């Protein structure tokens, strides 16, 4: 069975999806225990997830207020580029990202695209920091209705979460 970790960029949120492809998704249960699939993918995907903690400033009441928001991201390059949602990153005055090993790193916004609700962050890594684990983009044209998917992320401040669904 072949498994592909994919970054799925959705308007409602950013999640890392696993597509278990084996010719026919019904054959997955016959070839490999679904619990084993989850654990194997978890081991490879969780290290690429980032808990994004931006601070935003507002002048809504005539006074300066600071608010922390929460989001998820995924590392896409070993030197610290992270894809997250635009609604998480835009208007941030400070961003901290928590890595899989609980390391907190500052980040800066490289760019945002409100139309696709995507943003790119750069983690500010110390010079001697080892390369980071990365996720890779998949081919969305290969996704078929009826395939099982798993979404990985750090929503609402959870350390890590897994959700299941069907395309």
Foldseek 3Di string as FASTA:
>chain_A
DDKAWAWDQAPVWTWIKIFDDDPDQVCCVVPDPPVVVVVVVCVQFQQFKKKKWFWAWDCVPVDTDIDIDIGMWGAAWQQFKIKTFQVNQPRGPWMWIQGSVRDIFTKDWPDHDNVSRMTIIGTDDDPPDGGGRGHHHDDPVPDDFFTKMKTWTQPPNRSIDIDIDTD
